[in-house]
Amino acid sequence: MRAELWEWQEWCQRLLGAPGEDLSQVFSKVKVHTLRETQVKWATDKRTRAFCDLALHLLYEHHFADGARTTLGGEVRLFRNLGPEDLMRHAARIVPDAREAEQLDRQRWLDTWRHQAAFLDDMLAYLFRPSVVQRRLAVVHEVLVTMAPQMTLAQLIREGTQTELQSTLAEPIVGLQTFIQAALPRQPQIQRYVHATENMSVTQWARLYEIVFSGYGLGLRAGVTWMDIARLFGTMIEGVLLKARTHDHLPNVSNGDNTLAAAIFAMLPTLCTIDRADIDTRTLRHPLPLLTASTDPTPAL
């Protein structure tokens, strides 16, 4: 799939988490030998966040944009262009406000982290923080719940899978997370982030499947849970995305359905109380609630 070049303001928006997010809980390597009050002040300074935004934007450009010089190897090679001088030059190139760009200089970086390892630890914690994933999933879920009243179950599965796959493929933050996970699969820090993100994501998807399928009158077959369904469908999604990232289109089966929708059609009757033929005609039986803070069971990570 073709990678886009992202403007600075939109890139920063992509990395936003929840409103009022406390980044002092994310940036653990900032001013490590100072008082906690100083650490909090520097961790929540907009320049600290901006350095991580810059680094991730530069990493994305280097490995994903057209003509990118993608090289998998050791951690040093993977992050070799993310030093303070690199970030300072990148800020001068892409940050529209010249005064803001000038504040993102080498000395400010050194005053914040002192060395590259500390910065990379905080950058990765920032990239993989749960609030970014939750925000993206909330948007996708709202779209699916809004679509349902106008569609049969089969139509919702077709349109919903297409929407989810396309939005995931177009999301640069997901691309970066997947890339780093593949490049550093045994790195303990990355493993912790990936496991936390996967657990949270599966929980949210299980809740959505329960809301949507129950709204269409489906129950669970004996021995099946909504978490089982979320894990099975999640595995299928990962496989389709892996294939799609190396092609210019989503893979389809012979009848024209995307492969994810086709797999769900095949599996759903064995997981839920509905026959395959009924999926094509089943309509919504009661309104679907949106996932909100009161209905979202996602545990704190």
Foldseek 3Di string as FASTA:
>chain_A
DAADQDALVVLVVLLDFDPPDQQLVQQCQWPVVDDSVVSSVLSPDVLLVVLLSLQLSVLCCQQHHVVHPHDFDDPCVSSVQSAQVSSLVSLCVRVPDNVSSVVSHNVSVCNTRVDDVSSVSSSVSSLLPQRSVVVVVLVLLVVLLVPAQVAFLLVSLQVSLVVVLVVCLRRSSNVVLVVVCVRCVPDVSNVVSVVLNVVLQLLQQLLSCCQRVVQLVKDWDPPAGSSNVSVVLVVVSVVQNVVVNVDPDGDDDPVGGGPSSVVCLVCVVVTIVDDSVVRRPGGGDDRGDRDDPVNRPRDDD
